[in-house]
Amino acid sequence: MAGAGQWGRNHVRTLASMRGVRLDWVVDPDPARREAAAALAPRAQLTDELAEALADPRLDAVIVASPGPTHHEVARAAIAAGKHVLVEKPLTTCVETSRDLVRRAKRAGVLLGVGHLLVHHPVVRALKRATEAASFGPIRYFHCSRTNLGRVRTDEGALAGLLPHDISVMAYLLGRWPVAVQAVGARHVQPHAEDVVFVGLRFPGGVLGQVHLSWLEPLKTRRISVVGAGAMAIFDDMQATGKLELIRAKIPPPARGPAKPPVVSYPSIPEREPLREELRAFLLSARTGKPFAAPGEDGVRVARVLEGAQQSLDEGGREIRLRIR
């Protein structure tokens, strides 16, 4: 485990509690974070030197949850040591370094995965099944909101910190990646990164995506709406129950009268921790070679969207065409 900060601690806690999983090492330069990790995983060895952990022949895989700007360096070292690697999102801070990790992992014959947590969320899996039903019809557009009052991060803006979640979910549901992006935003809290951003995405086939990102919003939202030709769905992760709302509603053509009242349902979905599901899937893929839901190539694609969105921000909201393979 490389990195035991706020999110890294969640990895430590989860790994230490999983049957059949041995958490051998926790690496972090901060003594206080190492001490907190020791309380969660008392059997793990602690160090501030990544090389010490990577030299252990018992170590098969490394989870990278260090600050985003260090992802490339840390993951590169783990790949060079022959370890399978799961890197928290974003994979790296730019397309070229993300591609570099993908190339290195292929040459080394190891699995490189990226922590697109929501594609492992049981509700998102259920949402995909719902949108693939014939009655849902083709997806027309997405509307996403990911806001909160703080915590403003100093190492990245709201764009890099929040947008990967929604990009990965939209691409997962649609099976396609955006072909264009435009963004507008503002820097209110710190001069080097936007803390509020509005992002527009265009996908193949005319599907649209709209995302609101903010660390300055009084209401915390984690909401994705999907509108199809014959039905609609809302994934609201802030709800304690009924996180997925399915709405059967069809808008009639003009002059055909008002729409019929919608039929709303809340499917029963087993409660499983998304992080545990992600780690279980990654470790299974590392052992068996089974495809992982969020391979390193997806991290490259997300990095390209982030670069395009940042370019649009810097150029006053101009639409940026994306070349994503």
C-alpha atoms as a PDB file:
ATOM      1  CA  MET A   1       0.000   0.000   0.000  1.00  0.00           C
ATOM      2  CA  ALA A   2       1.660   3.221  -1.188  1.00  0.00           C
ATOM      3  CA  GLY A   3       0.002   6.200   0.458  1.00  0.00           C
ATOM      4  CA  ALA A   4      -1.973   6.253   3.701  1.00  0.00           C
ATOM      5  CA  GLY A   5      -3.652   9.637   3.524  1.00  0.00           C
ATOM      6  CA  GLN A   6      -7.387  10.251   3.695  1.00  0.00           C
ATOM      7  CA  TRP A   7      -8.341   7.802   0.921  1.00  0.00           C
ATOM      8  CA  GLY A   8      -5.331   5.541   1.403  1.00  0.00           C
ATOM      9  CA  ARG A   9      -6.529   4.795   4.935  1.00  0.00           C
ATOM     10  CA  ASN A  10      -9.760   3.438   3.461  1.00  0.00           C
ATOM     11  CA  HIS A  11      -7.700   1.054   1.330  1.00  0.00           C
ATOM     12  CA  VAL A  12      -5.686  -0.011   4.385  1.00  0.00           C
ATOM     13  CA  ARG A  13      -8.831  -0.634   6.439  1.00  0.00           C
ATOM     14  CA  THR A  14     -10.510  -2.593   3.660  1.00  0.00           C
ATOM     15  CA  LEU A  15      -7.489  -4.699   2.699  1.00  0.00           C
ATOM     16  CA  ALA A  16      -6.788  -5.567   6.342  1.00  0.00           C
ATOM     17  CA  SER A  17     -10.337  -6.894   6.742  1.00  0.00           C
ATOM     18  CA  MET A  18     -10.528  -8.973   3.538  1.00  0.00           C
ATOM     19  CA  ARG A  19     -10.295 -12.733   3.843  1.00  0.00           C
ATOM     20  CA  GLY A  20      -7.462 -14.312   1.923  1.00  0.00           C
ATOM     21  CA  VAL A  21      -5.667 -10.991   1.477  1.00  0.00           C
ATOM     22  CA  ARG A  22      -2.361 -10.260   3.171  1.00  0.00           C
ATOM     23  CA  LEU A  23      -1.438  -6.598   3.571  1.00  0.00           C
ATOM     24  CA  ASP A  24       2.335  -6.783   3.988  1.00  0.00           C
ATOM     25  CA  TRP A  25       3.433  -3.153   3.703  1.00  0.00           C
ATOM     26  CA  VAL A  26       2.168   0.385   4.170  1.00  0.00           C
ATOM     27  CA  VAL A  27       4.405   3.092   2.718  1.00  0.00           C
ATOM     28  CA  ASP A  28       3.983   6.757   3.618  1.00  0.00           C
ATOM     29  CA  PRO A  29       6.485   9.541   4.369  1.00  0.00           C
ATOM     30  CA  ASP A  30       4.358  10.948   7.196  1.00  0.00           C
ATOM     31  CA  PRO A  31       4.850   9.315  10.648  1.00  0.00           C
ATOM     32  CA  ALA A  32       1.357  10.261  11.823  1.00  0.00           C
ATOM     33  CA  ARG A  33      -0.236   8.595   8.812  1.00  0.00           C
ATOM     34  CA  ARG A  34       1.885   5.492   9.317  1.00  0.00           C
ATOM     35  CA  GLU A  35       0.779   5.373  12.949  1.00  0.00           C
ATOM     36  CA  ALA A  36      -2.873   5.645  11.931  1.00  0.00           C
ATOM     37  CA  ALA A  37      -2.351   2.853   9.394  1.00  0.00           C
ATOM     38  CA  ALA A  38      -0.745   0.656  12.056  1.00  0.00           C
ATOM     39  CA  ALA A  39      -3.913   0.859  14.136  1.00  0.00           C
ATOM     40  CA  LEU A  40      -5.952  -0.338  11.142  1.00  0.00           C
ATOM     41  CA  ALA A  41      -3.520  -3.032   9.976  1.00  0.00           C
ATOM     42  CA  PRO A  42      -1.335  -4.087  12.920  1.00  0.00           C
ATOM     43  CA  ARG A  43       0.263  -6.949  10.955  1.00  0.00           C
ATOM     44  CA  ALA A  44       1.542  -4.743   8.147  1.00  0.00           C
ATOM     45  CA  GLN A  45       5.106  -3.482   8.099  1.00  0.00           C
ATOM     46  CA  LEU A  46       5.474   0.297   7.954  1.00  0.00           C
ATOM     47  CA  THR A  47       8.104   2.289   6.096  1.00  0.00           C
ATOM     48  CA  ASP A  48       8.734   5.639   4.478  1.00  0.00           C
ATOM     49  CA  GLU A  49      10.807   4.033   1.704  1.00  0.00           C
ATOM     50  CA  LEU A  50       8.936   2.572  -1.266  1.00  0.00           C
ATOM     51  CA  ALA A  51      12.034   0.683  -2.412  1.00  0.00           C
ATOM     52  CA  GLU A  52      12.097  -1.275   0.856  1.00  0.00           C
ATOM     53  CA  ALA A  53       8.591  -2.615   0.270  1.00  0.00           C
ATOM     54  CA  LEU A  54       9.153  -3.302  -3.438  1.00  0.00           C
ATOM     55  CA  ALA A  55      12.216  -5.414  -2.619  1.00  0.00           C
ATOM     56  CA  ASP A  56      10.030  -7.891  -0.702  1.00  0.00           C
ATOM     57  CA  PRO A  57       9.591 -10.992  -2.926  1.00  0.00           C
ATOM     58  CA  ARG A  58       6.304 -11.834  -1.168  1.00  0.00           C
ATOM     59  CA  LEU A  59       4.720  -8.662  -2.545  1.00  0.00           C
ATOM     60  CA  ASP A  60       2.533  -9.358  -5.593  1.00  0.00           C
ATOM     61  CA  ALA A  61       0.594  -6.125  -6.048  1.00  0.00           C
ATOM     62  CA  VAL A  62       0.755  -2.466  -5.061  1.00  0.00           C
ATOM     63  CA  ILE A  63      -2.132  -0.061  -4.466  1.00  0.00           C
ATOM     64  CA  VAL A  64      -1.090   3.543  -5.184  1.00  0.00           C
ATOM     65  CA  ALA A  65      -3.046   6.159  -3.234  1.00  0.00           C
ATOM     66  CA  SER A  66      -0.331   8.795  -2.956  1.00  0.00           C
ATOM     67  CA  PRO A  67      -0.972  12.404  -4.125  1.00  0.00           C
ATOM     68  CA  GLY A  68      -1.881  12.608  -7.819  1.00  0.00           C
ATOM     69  CA  PRO A  69       1.344  14.303  -8.982  1.00  0.00           C
ATOM     70  CA  THR A  70       3.360  11.346  -7.594  1.00  0.00           C
ATOM     71  CA  HIS A  71       1.327   8.597  -9.294  1.00  0.00           C
ATOM     72  CA  HIS A  72       3.600   8.244 -12.309  1.00  0.00           C
ATOM     73  CA  GLU A  73       6.787   7.944 -10.279  1.00  0.00           C
ATOM     74  CA  VAL A  74       5.358   5.511  -7.729  1.00  0.00           C
ATOM     75  CA  ALA A  75       3.543   3.305 -10.248  1.00  0.00           C
ATOM     76  CA  ARG A  76       6.566   3.244 -12.554  1.00  0.00           C
ATOM     77  CA  ALA A  77       8.741   1.959  -9.712  1.00  0.00           C
ATOM     78  CA  ALA A  78       6.196  -0.732  -8.813  1.00  0.00           C
ATOM     79  CA  ILE A  79       5.908  -1.890 -12.434  1.00  0.00           C
ATOM     80  CA  ALA A  80       9.714  -2.005 -12.733  1.00  0.00           C
ATOM     81  CA  ALA A  81       9.738  -4.285  -9.682  1.00  0.00           C
ATOM     82  CA  GLY A  82       7.326  -6.663 -11.448  1.00  0.00           C
ATOM     83  CA  LYS A  83       4.275  -5.873  -9.310  1.00  0.00           C
ATOM     84  CA  HIS A  84       0.667  -5.596 -10.432  1.00  0.00           C
ATOM     85  CA  VAL A  85      -0.513  -2.017  -9.795  1.00  0.00           C
ATOM     86  CA  LEU A  86      -3.833  -0.354  -9.034  1.00  0.00           C
ATOM     87  CA  VAL A  87      -3.529   3.444  -9.169  1.00  0.00           C
ATOM     88  CA  GLU A  88      -6.135   5.727  -7.665  1.00  0.00           C
ATOM     89  CA  LYS A  89      -7.718   8.173 -10.085  1.00  0.00           C
ATOM     90  CA  PRO A  90      -6.493  10.018 -11.978  1.00  0.00           C
ATOM     91  CA  LEU A  91      -3.947   7.521 -13.314  1.00  0.00           C
ATOM     92  CA  THR A  92      -1.483  10.398 -13.797  1.00  0.00           C
ATOM     93  CA  THR A  93      -1.764  14.117 -14.365  1.00  0.00           C
ATOM     94  CA  CYS A  94      -1.324  13.971 -18.169  1.00  0.00           C
ATOM     95  CA  VAL A  95      -1.893  11.748 -21.180  1.00  0.00           C
ATOM     96  CA  GLU A  96       1.761  11.108 -21.974  1.00  0.00           C
ATOM     97  CA  THR A  97       2.719   9.830 -18.507  1.00  0.00           C
ATOM     98  CA  SER A  98      -0.455   7.713 -18.401  1.00  0.00           C
ATOM     99  CA  ARG A  99       0.469   6.157 -21.741  1.00  0.00           C
ATOM    100  CA  ASP A 100       3.966   5.574 -20.426  1.00  0.00           C
ATOM    101  CA  LEU A 101       2.601   3.495 -17.542  1.00  0.00           C
ATOM    102  CA  VAL A 102       0.422   1.454 -19.904  1.00  0.00           C
ATOM    103  CA  ARG A 103       3.414   0.705 -22.139  1.00  0.00           C
ATOM    104  CA  ARG A 104       5.618  -0.220 -19.194  1.00  0.00           C
ATOM    105  CA  ALA A 105       2.980  -2.536 -17.700  1.00  0.00           C
ATOM    106  CA  LYS A 106       2.525  -4.339 -21.029  1.00  0.00           C
ATOM    107  CA  ARG A 107       6.283  -4.843 -21.399  1.00  0.00           C
ATOM    108  CA  ALA A 108       6.536  -6.095 -17.816  1.00  0.00           C
ATOM    109  CA  GLY A 109       3.560  -8.415 -18.191  1.00  0.00           C
ATOM    110  CA  VAL A 110       1.755  -6.988 -15.151  1.00  0.00           C
ATOM    111  CA  LEU A 111      -1.762  -5.689 -14.646  1.00  0.00           C
ATOM    112  CA  LEU A 112      -2.240  -1.936 -14.501  1.00  0.00           C
ATOM    113  CA  GLY A 113      -5.622  -0.813 -13.215  1.00  0.00           C
ATOM    114  CA  VAL A 114      -7.036   2.588 -12.342  1.00  0.00           C
ATOM    115  CA  GLY A 115      -9.292   3.340  -9.383  1.00  0.00           C
ATOM    116  CA  HIS A 116     -12.501   4.284 -11.180  1.00  0.00           C
ATOM    117  CA  LEU A 117     -14.419   3.293  -8.080  1.00  0.00           C
ATOM    118  CA  LEU A 118     -17.948   3.888  -9.320  1.00  0.00           C
ATOM    119  CA  VAL A 119     -17.800   1.294 -12.104  1.00  0.00           C
ATOM    120  CA  HIS A 120     -17.635  -1.258  -9.264  1.00  0.00           C
ATOM    121  CA  HIS A 121     -20.561   0.308  -7.359  1.00  0.00           C
ATOM    122  CA  PRO A 122     -23.500  -2.146  -7.123  1.00  0.00           C
ATOM    123  CA  VAL A 123     -25.928   0.666  -7.977  1.00  0.00           C
ATOM    124  CA  VAL A 124     -23.971   1.641 -11.100  1.00  0.00           C
ATOM    125  CA  ARG A 125     -23.923  -2.020 -12.148  1.00  0.00           C
ATOM    126  CA  ALA A 126     -27.711  -2.122 -11.681  1.00  0.00           C
ATOM    127  CA  LEU A 127     -28.021   1.167 -13.563  1.00  0.00           C
ATOM    128  CA  LYS A 128     -26.150  -0.324 -16.517  1.00  0.00           C
ATOM    129  CA  ARG A 129     -28.500  -3.297 -16.600  1.00  0.00           C
ATOM    130  CA  ALA A 130     -31.450  -0.908 -16.547  1.00  0.00           C
ATOM    131  CA  THR A 131     -30.146   1.285 -19.373  1.00  0.00           C
ATOM    132  CA  GLU A 132     -29.403  -1.769 -21.526  1.00  0.00           C
ATOM    133  CA  ALA A 133     -33.047  -2.895 -21.375  1.00  0.00           C
ATOM    134  CA  ALA A 134     -35.005  -2.417 -24.600  1.00  0.00           C
ATOM    135  CA  SER A 135     -37.680  -0.448 -22.721  1.00  0.00           C
ATOM    136  CA  PHE A 136     -35.139   2.194 -21.665  1.00  0.00           C
ATOM    137  CA  GLY A 137     -34.385   3.086 -25.256  1.00  0.00           C
ATOM    138  CA  PRO A 138     -31.216   4.761 -26.512  1.00  0.00           C
ATOM    139  CA  ILE A 139     -29.543   7.095 -24.026  1.00  0.00           C
ATOM    140  CA  ARG A 140     -30.105  10.745 -24.952  1.00  0.00           C
ATOM    141  CA  TYR A 141     -28.102  12.586 -22.322  1.00  0.00           C
ATOM    142  CA  PHE A 142     -26.521  12.573 -18.856  1.00  0.00           C
ATOM    143  CA  HIS A 143     -26.726  15.213 -16.146  1.00  0.00           C
ATOM    144  CA  CYS A 144     -24.284  14.935 -13.231  1.00  0.00           C
ATOM    145  CA  SER A 145     -23.659  16.933 -10.077  1.00  0.00           C
ATOM    146  CA  ARG A 146     -20.680  16.381  -7.781  1.00  0.00           C
ATOM    147  CA  THR A 147     -20.466  19.196  -5.246  1.00  0.00           C
ATOM    148  CA  ASN A 148     -19.634  19.876  -1.607  1.00  0.00           C
ATOM    149  CA  LEU A 149     -18.547  22.647   0.746  1.00  0.00           C
ATOM    150  CA  GLY A 150     -14.798  21.852   0.904  1.00  0.00           C
ATOM    151  CA  ARG A 151     -12.445  20.044   1.241  1.00  0.00           C
ATOM    152  CA  VAL A 152     -10.479  22.234  -1.230  1.00  0.00           C
ATOM    153  CA  ARG A 153      -7.341  20.350  -2.226  1.00  0.00           C
ATOM    154  CA  THR A 154      -4.035  22.085  -2.837  1.00  0.00           C
ATOM    155  CA  ASP A 155      -2.585  19.462  -5.203  1.00  0.00           C
ATOM    156  CA  GLU A 156      -5.418  19.531  -7.774  1.00  0.00           C
ATOM    157  CA  GLY A 157      -8.505  21.473  -8.756  1.00  0.00           C
ATOM    158  CA  ALA A 158     -12.125  20.367  -8.781  1.00  0.00           C
ATOM    159  CA  LEU A 159     -11.742  19.253 -12.402  1.00  0.00           C
ATOM    160  CA  ALA A 160      -9.069  16.597 -11.785  1.00  0.00           C
ATOM    161  CA  GLY A 161     -10.359  15.768  -8.313  1.00  0.00           C
ATOM    162  CA  LEU A 162     -13.989  15.143  -9.239  1.00  0.00           C
ATOM    163  CA  LEU A 163     -14.593  14.765 -12.991  1.00  0.00           C
ATOM    164  CA  PRO A 164     -12.964  11.302 -13.422  1.00  0.00           C
ATOM    165  CA  HIS A 165     -15.860   9.745 -11.474  1.00  0.00           C
ATOM    166  CA  ASP A 166     -18.501  11.004 -13.883  1.00  0.00           C
ATOM    167  CA  ILE A 167     -16.477  10.424 -17.060  1.00  0.00           C
ATOM    168  CA  SER A 168     -15.850   6.812 -16.102  1.00  0.00           C
ATOM    169  CA  VAL A 169     -19.520   6.164 -15.275  1.00  0.00           C
ATOM    170  CA  MET A 170     -20.854   7.772 -18.460  1.00  0.00           C
ATOM    171  CA  ALA A 171     -18.379   5.835 -20.621  1.00  0.00           C
ATOM    172  CA  TYR A 172     -19.193   2.619 -18.745  1.00  0.00           C
ATOM    173  CA  LEU A 173     -22.939   3.034 -19.242  1.00  0.00           C
ATOM    174  CA  LEU A 174     -22.687   4.141 -22.851  1.00  0.00           C
ATOM    175  CA  GLY A 175     -19.815   1.928 -23.969  1.00  0.00           C
ATOM    176  CA  ARG A 176     -18.290   4.933 -25.742  1.00  0.00           C
ATOM    177  CA  TRP A 177     -15.975   7.801 -24.820  1.00  0.00           C
ATOM    178  CA  PRO A 178     -16.592  11.508 -25.473  1.00  0.00           C
ATOM    179  CA  VAL A 179     -15.482  13.066 -28.743  1.00  0.00           C
ATOM    180  CA  ALA A 180     -15.553  16.688 -27.568  1.00  0.00           C
ATOM    181  CA  VAL A 181     -15.457  18.660 -24.334  1.00  0.00           C
ATOM    182  CA  GLN A 182     -15.914  22.259 -23.283  1.00  0.00           C
ATOM    183  CA  ALA A 183     -15.669  23.777 -19.821  1.00  0.00           C
ATOM    184  CA  VAL A 184     -16.063  27.039 -17.965  1.00  0.00           C
ATOM    185  CA  GLY A 185     -15.072  27.639 -14.358  1.00  0.00           C
ATOM    186  CA  ALA A 186     -13.612  29.992 -11.799  1.00  0.00           C
ATOM    187  CA  ARG A 187     -10.804  30.157  -9.246  1.00  0.00           C
ATOM    188  CA  HIS A 188     -12.179  31.673  -6.064  1.00  0.00           C
ATOM    189  CA  VAL A 189     -10.149  30.027  -3.290  1.00  0.00           C
ATOM    190  CA  GLN A 190      -6.710  29.508  -4.792  1.00  0.00           C
ATOM    191  CA  PRO A 191      -5.078  31.085  -7.853  1.00  0.00           C
ATOM    192  CA  HIS A 192      -3.729  27.968  -9.569  1.00  0.00           C
ATOM    193  CA  ALA A 193      -6.821  25.748  -9.967  1.00  0.00           C
ATOM    194  CA  GLU A 194     -10.569  26.062 -10.538  1.00  0.00           C
ATOM    195  CA  ASP A 195     -12.778  25.218  -7.567  1.00  0.00           C
ATOM    196  CA  VAL A 196     -16.035  25.378  -9.550  1.00  0.00           C
ATOM    197  CA  VAL A 197     -16.403  24.000 -13.088  1.00  0.00           C
ATOM    198  CA  PHE A 198     -19.242  23.320 -15.536  1.00  0.00           C
ATOM    199  CA  VAL A 199     -18.315  20.690 -18.137  1.00  0.00           C
ATOM    200  CA  GLY A 200     -20.136  19.801 -21.347  1.00  0.00           C
ATOM    201  CA  LEU A 201     -19.372  16.545 -23.166  1.00  0.00           C
ATOM    202  CA  ARG A 202     -20.384  15.212 -26.572  1.00  0.00           C
ATOM    203  CA  PHE A 203     -20.383  11.475 -27.227  1.00  0.00           C
ATOM    204  CA  PRO A 204     -20.731   9.589 -30.502  1.00  0.00           C
ATOM    205  CA  GLY A 205     -24.314   9.443 -31.761  1.00  0.00           C
ATOM    206  CA  GLY A 206     -25.206  12.872 -30.395  1.00  0.00           C
ATOM    207  CA  VAL A 207     -25.383  11.854 -26.720  1.00  0.00           C
ATOM    208  CA  LEU A 208     -24.662  14.782 -24.405  1.00  0.00           C
ATOM    209  CA  GLY A 209     -23.234  14.974 -20.893  1.00  0.00           C
ATOM    210  CA  GLN A 210     -23.368  17.903 -18.484  1.00  0.00           C
ATOM    211  CA  VAL A 211     -21.396  17.922 -15.211  1.00  0.00           C
ATOM    212  CA  HIS A 212     -21.364  20.444 -12.355  1.00  0.00           C
ATOM    213  CA  LEU A 213     -18.280  20.242 -10.128  1.00  0.00           C
ATOM    214  CA  SER A 214     -17.685  22.415  -7.079  1.00  0.00           C
ATOM    215  CA  TRP A 215     -15.989  22.592  -3.692  1.00  0.00           C
ATOM    216  CA  LEU A 216     -17.968  25.762  -2.867  1.00  0.00           C
ATOM    217  CA  GLU A 217     -21.511  24.410  -2.852  1.00  0.00           C
ATOM    218  CA  PRO A 218     -23.595  24.448   0.360  1.00  0.00           C
ATOM    219  CA  LEU A 219     -25.240  21.140  -0.576  1.00  0.00           C
ATOM    220  CA  LYS A 220     -23.249  17.938  -1.010  1.00  0.00           C
ATOM    221  CA  THR A 221     -24.401  16.122  -4.135  1.00  0.00           C
ATOM    222  CA  ARG A 222     -23.337  12.868  -5.777  1.00  0.00           C
ATOM    223  CA  ARG A 223     -25.991  12.516  -8.442  1.00  0.00           C
ATOM    224  CA  ILE A 224     -26.123  11.120 -11.993  1.00  0.00           C
ATOM    225  CA  SER A 225     -29.268  11.331 -14.126  1.00  0.00           C
ATOM    226  CA  VAL A 226     -29.612   9.304 -17.321  1.00  0.00           C
ATOM    227  CA  VAL A 227     -32.353  10.187 -19.799  1.00  0.00           C
ATOM    228  CA  GLY A 228     -33.343   7.602 -22.392  1.00  0.00           C
ATOM    229  CA  ALA A 229     -35.916   7.509 -25.154  1.00  0.00           C
ATOM    230  CA  GLY A 230     -38.343   5.425 -23.104  1.00  0.00           C
ATOM    231  CA  ALA A 231     -37.235   5.793 -19.496  1.00  0.00           C
ATOM    232  CA  MET A 232     -35.027   7.739 -17.110  1.00  0.00           C
ATOM    233  CA  ALA A 233     -32.871   6.865 -14.121  1.00  0.00           C
ATOM    234  CA  ILE A 234     -31.344   8.723 -11.202  1.00  0.00           C
ATOM    235  CA  PHE A 235     -28.422   7.467  -9.135  1.00  0.00           C
ATOM    236  CA  ASP A 236     -28.263   9.547  -5.957  1.00  0.00           C
ATOM    237  CA  ASP A 237     -25.423   8.297  -3.792  1.00  0.00           C
ATOM    238  CA  MET A 238     -26.376  10.633  -0.943  1.00  0.00           C
ATOM    239  CA  GLN A 239     -29.568   8.690  -0.248  1.00  0.00           C
ATOM    240  CA  ALA A 240     -29.377   6.160   2.571  1.00  0.00           C
ATOM    241  CA  THR A 241     -31.833   3.891   0.741  1.00  0.00           C
ATOM    242  CA  GLY A 242     -33.381   3.947  -2.699  1.00  0.00           C
ATOM    243  CA  LYS A 243     -30.179   5.168  -4.340  1.00  0.00           C
ATOM    244  CA  LEU A 244     -31.456   4.146  -7.782  1.00  0.00           C
ATOM    245  CA  GLU A 245     -34.732   5.601  -9.042  1.00  0.00           C
ATOM    246  CA  LEU A 246     -36.145   4.296 -12.325  1.00  0.00           C
ATOM    247  CA  ILE A 247     -38.776   6.379 -14.094  1.00  0.00           C
ATOM    248  CA  ARG A 248     -40.830   4.946 -16.944  1.00  0.00           C
ATOM    249  CA  ALA A 249     -41.888   7.988 -18.904  1.00  0.00           C
ATOM    250  CA  LYS A 250     -42.136   8.699 -22.581  1.00  0.00           C
ATOM    251  CA  ILE A 251     -42.545  12.198 -23.983  1.00  0.00           C
ATOM    252  CA  PRO A 252     -45.169  12.128 -26.769  1.00  0.00           C
ATOM    253  CA  PRO A 253     -44.588  13.941 -30.073  1.00  0.00           C
ATOM    254  CA  PRO A 254     -45.897  17.519 -30.310  1.00  0.00           C
ATOM    255  CA  ALA A 255     -49.658  17.910 -30.637  1.00  0.00           C
ATOM    256  CA  ARG A 256     -50.225  14.396 -29.293  1.00  0.00           C
ATOM    257  CA  GLY A 257     -51.364  15.553 -25.896  1.00  0.00           C
ATOM    258  CA  PRO A 258     -49.668  15.573 -22.472  1.00  0.00           C
ATOM    259  CA  ALA A 259     -47.298  12.868 -21.350  1.00  0.00           C
ATOM    260  CA  LYS A 260     -48.701  10.040 -19.262  1.00  0.00           C
ATOM    261  CA  PRO A 261     -47.872  10.121 -15.540  1.00  0.00           C
ATOM    262  CA  PRO A 262     -44.469   8.503 -14.968  1.00  0.00           C
ATOM    263  CA  VAL A 263     -44.147   5.128 -13.271  1.00  0.00           C
ATOM    264  CA  VAL A 264     -41.432   5.233 -10.601  1.00  0.00           C
ATOM    265  CA  SER A 265     -39.699   2.243  -9.044  1.00  0.00           C
ATOM    266  CA  TYR A 266     -36.795   1.652  -6.679  1.00  0.00           C
ATOM    267  CA  PRO A 267     -35.102  -1.683  -7.397  1.00  0.00           C
ATOM    268  CA  SER A 268     -33.687  -3.674  -4.508  1.00  0.00           C
ATOM    269  CA  ILE A 269     -29.889  -3.752  -4.776  1.00  0.00           C
ATOM    270  CA  PRO A 270     -27.605  -5.709  -2.419  1.00  0.00           C
ATOM    271  CA  GLU A 271     -25.489  -3.420  -0.265  1.00  0.00           C
ATOM    272  CA  ARG A 272     -21.807  -4.006  -0.946  1.00  0.00           C
ATOM    273  CA  GLU A 273     -18.942  -1.603  -0.314  1.00  0.00           C
ATOM    274  CA  PRO A 274     -17.687  -0.304  -3.696  1.00  0.00           C
ATOM    275  CA  LEU A 275     -14.054  -0.135  -2.559  1.00  0.00           C
ATOM    276  CA  ARG A 276     -14.144  -3.739  -1.394  1.00  0.00           C
ATOM    277  CA  GLU A 277     -15.664  -4.756  -4.734  1.00  0.00           C
ATOM    278  CA  GLU A 278     -12.973  -2.860  -6.624  1.00  0.00           C
ATOM    279  CA  LEU A 279     -10.117  -4.390  -4.637  1.00  0.00           C
ATOM    280  CA  ARG A 280     -11.576  -7.874  -4.901  1.00  0.00           C
ATOM    281  CA  ALA A 281     -11.940  -7.516  -8.681  1.00  0.00           C
ATOM    282  CA  PHE A 282      -8.406  -6.145  -9.072  1.00  0.00           C
ATOM    283  CA  LEU A 283      -6.814  -8.926  -7.036  1.00  0.00           C
ATOM    284  CA  LEU A 284      -8.823 -11.555  -8.927  1.00  0.00           C
ATOM    285  CA  SER A 285      -7.657 -10.103 -12.246  1.00  0.00           C
ATOM    286  CA  ALA A 286      -4.063 -10.012 -11.024  1.00  0.00           C
ATOM    287  CA  ARG A 287      -4.235 -13.702 -10.068  1.00  0.00           C
ATOM    288  CA  THR A 288      -6.175 -15.052 -13.025  1.00  0.00           C
ATOM    289  CA  GLY A 289      -5.674 -12.649 -15.915  1.00  0.00           C
ATOM    290  CA  LYS A 290      -9.413 -11.926 -16.027  1.00  0.00           C
ATOM    291  CA  PRO A 291     -10.054  -8.489 -17.621  1.00  0.00           C
ATOM    292  CA  PHE A 292     -10.322  -5.674 -15.094  1.00  0.00           C
ATOM    293  CA  ALA A 293     -13.246  -3.252 -15.456  1.00  0.00           C
ATOM    294  CA  ALA A 294     -10.981  -0.174 -15.376  1.00  0.00           C
ATOM    295  CA  PRO A 295      -7.675  -0.987 -17.105  1.00  0.00           C
ATOM    296  CA  GLY A 296      -4.848   1.502 -17.483  1.00  0.00           C
ATOM    297  CA  GLU A 297      -6.060   2.372 -20.992  1.00  0.00           C
ATOM    298  CA  ASP A 298      -9.189   3.875 -19.432  1.00  0.00           C
ATOM    299  CA  GLY A 299      -6.948   6.030 -17.270  1.00  0.00           C
ATOM    300  CA  VAL A 300      -5.339   7.367 -20.465  1.00  0.00           C
ATOM    301  CA  ARG A 301      -8.779   8.155 -21.902  1.00  0.00           C
ATOM    302  CA  VAL A 302      -9.837  10.010 -18.764  1.00  0.00           C
ATOM    303  CA  ALA A 303      -6.548  11.943 -18.774  1.00  0.00           C
ATOM    304  CA  ARG A 304      -7.275  13.024 -22.353  1.00  0.00           C
ATOM    305  CA  VAL A 305     -10.713  14.331 -21.371  1.00  0.00           C
ATOM    306  CA  LEU A 306      -9.190  16.174 -18.392  1.00  0.00           C
ATOM    307  CA  GLU A 307      -6.525  17.739 -20.609  1.00  0.00           C
ATOM    308  CA  GLY A 308      -9.167  18.798 -23.117  1.00  0.00           C
ATOM    309  CA  ALA A 309     -11.382  20.259 -20.381  1.00  0.00           C
ATOM    310  CA  GLN A 310      -8.462  22.193 -18.900  1.00  0.00           C
ATOM    311  CA  GLN A 311      -7.550  23.496 -22.367  1.00  0.00           C
ATOM    312  CA  SER A 312     -11.143  24.629 -22.810  1.00  0.00           C
ATOM    313  CA  LEU A 313     -11.030  26.387 -19.428  1.00  0.00           C
ATOM    314  CA  ASP A 314      -7.817  28.141 -20.384  1.00  0.00           C
ATOM    315  CA  GLU A 315      -9.291  29.220 -23.739  1.00  0.00           C
ATOM    316  CA  GLY A 316     -12.525  30.693 -22.418  1.00  0.00           C
ATOM    317  CA  GLY A 317     -14.812  27.721 -22.935  1.00  0.00           C
ATOM    318  CA  ARG A 318     -13.937  26.770 -26.513  1.00  0.00           C
ATOM    319  CA  GLU A 319     -15.039  23.268 -27.486  1.00  0.00           C
ATOM    320  CA  ILE A 320     -12.068  20.894 -27.777  1.00  0.00           C
ATOM    321  CA  ARG A 321     -12.197  17.885 -30.050  1.00  0.00           C
ATOM    322  CA  LEU A 322     -10.886  14.697 -28.457  1.00  0.00           C
ATOM    323  CA  ARG A 323      -9.018  11.840 -30.063  1.00  0.00           C
ATOM    324  CA  ILE A 324      -9.623   8.889 -27.795  1.00  0.00           C
ATOM    325  CA  ARG A 325      -8.887   5.358 -28.924  1.00  0.00           C
END
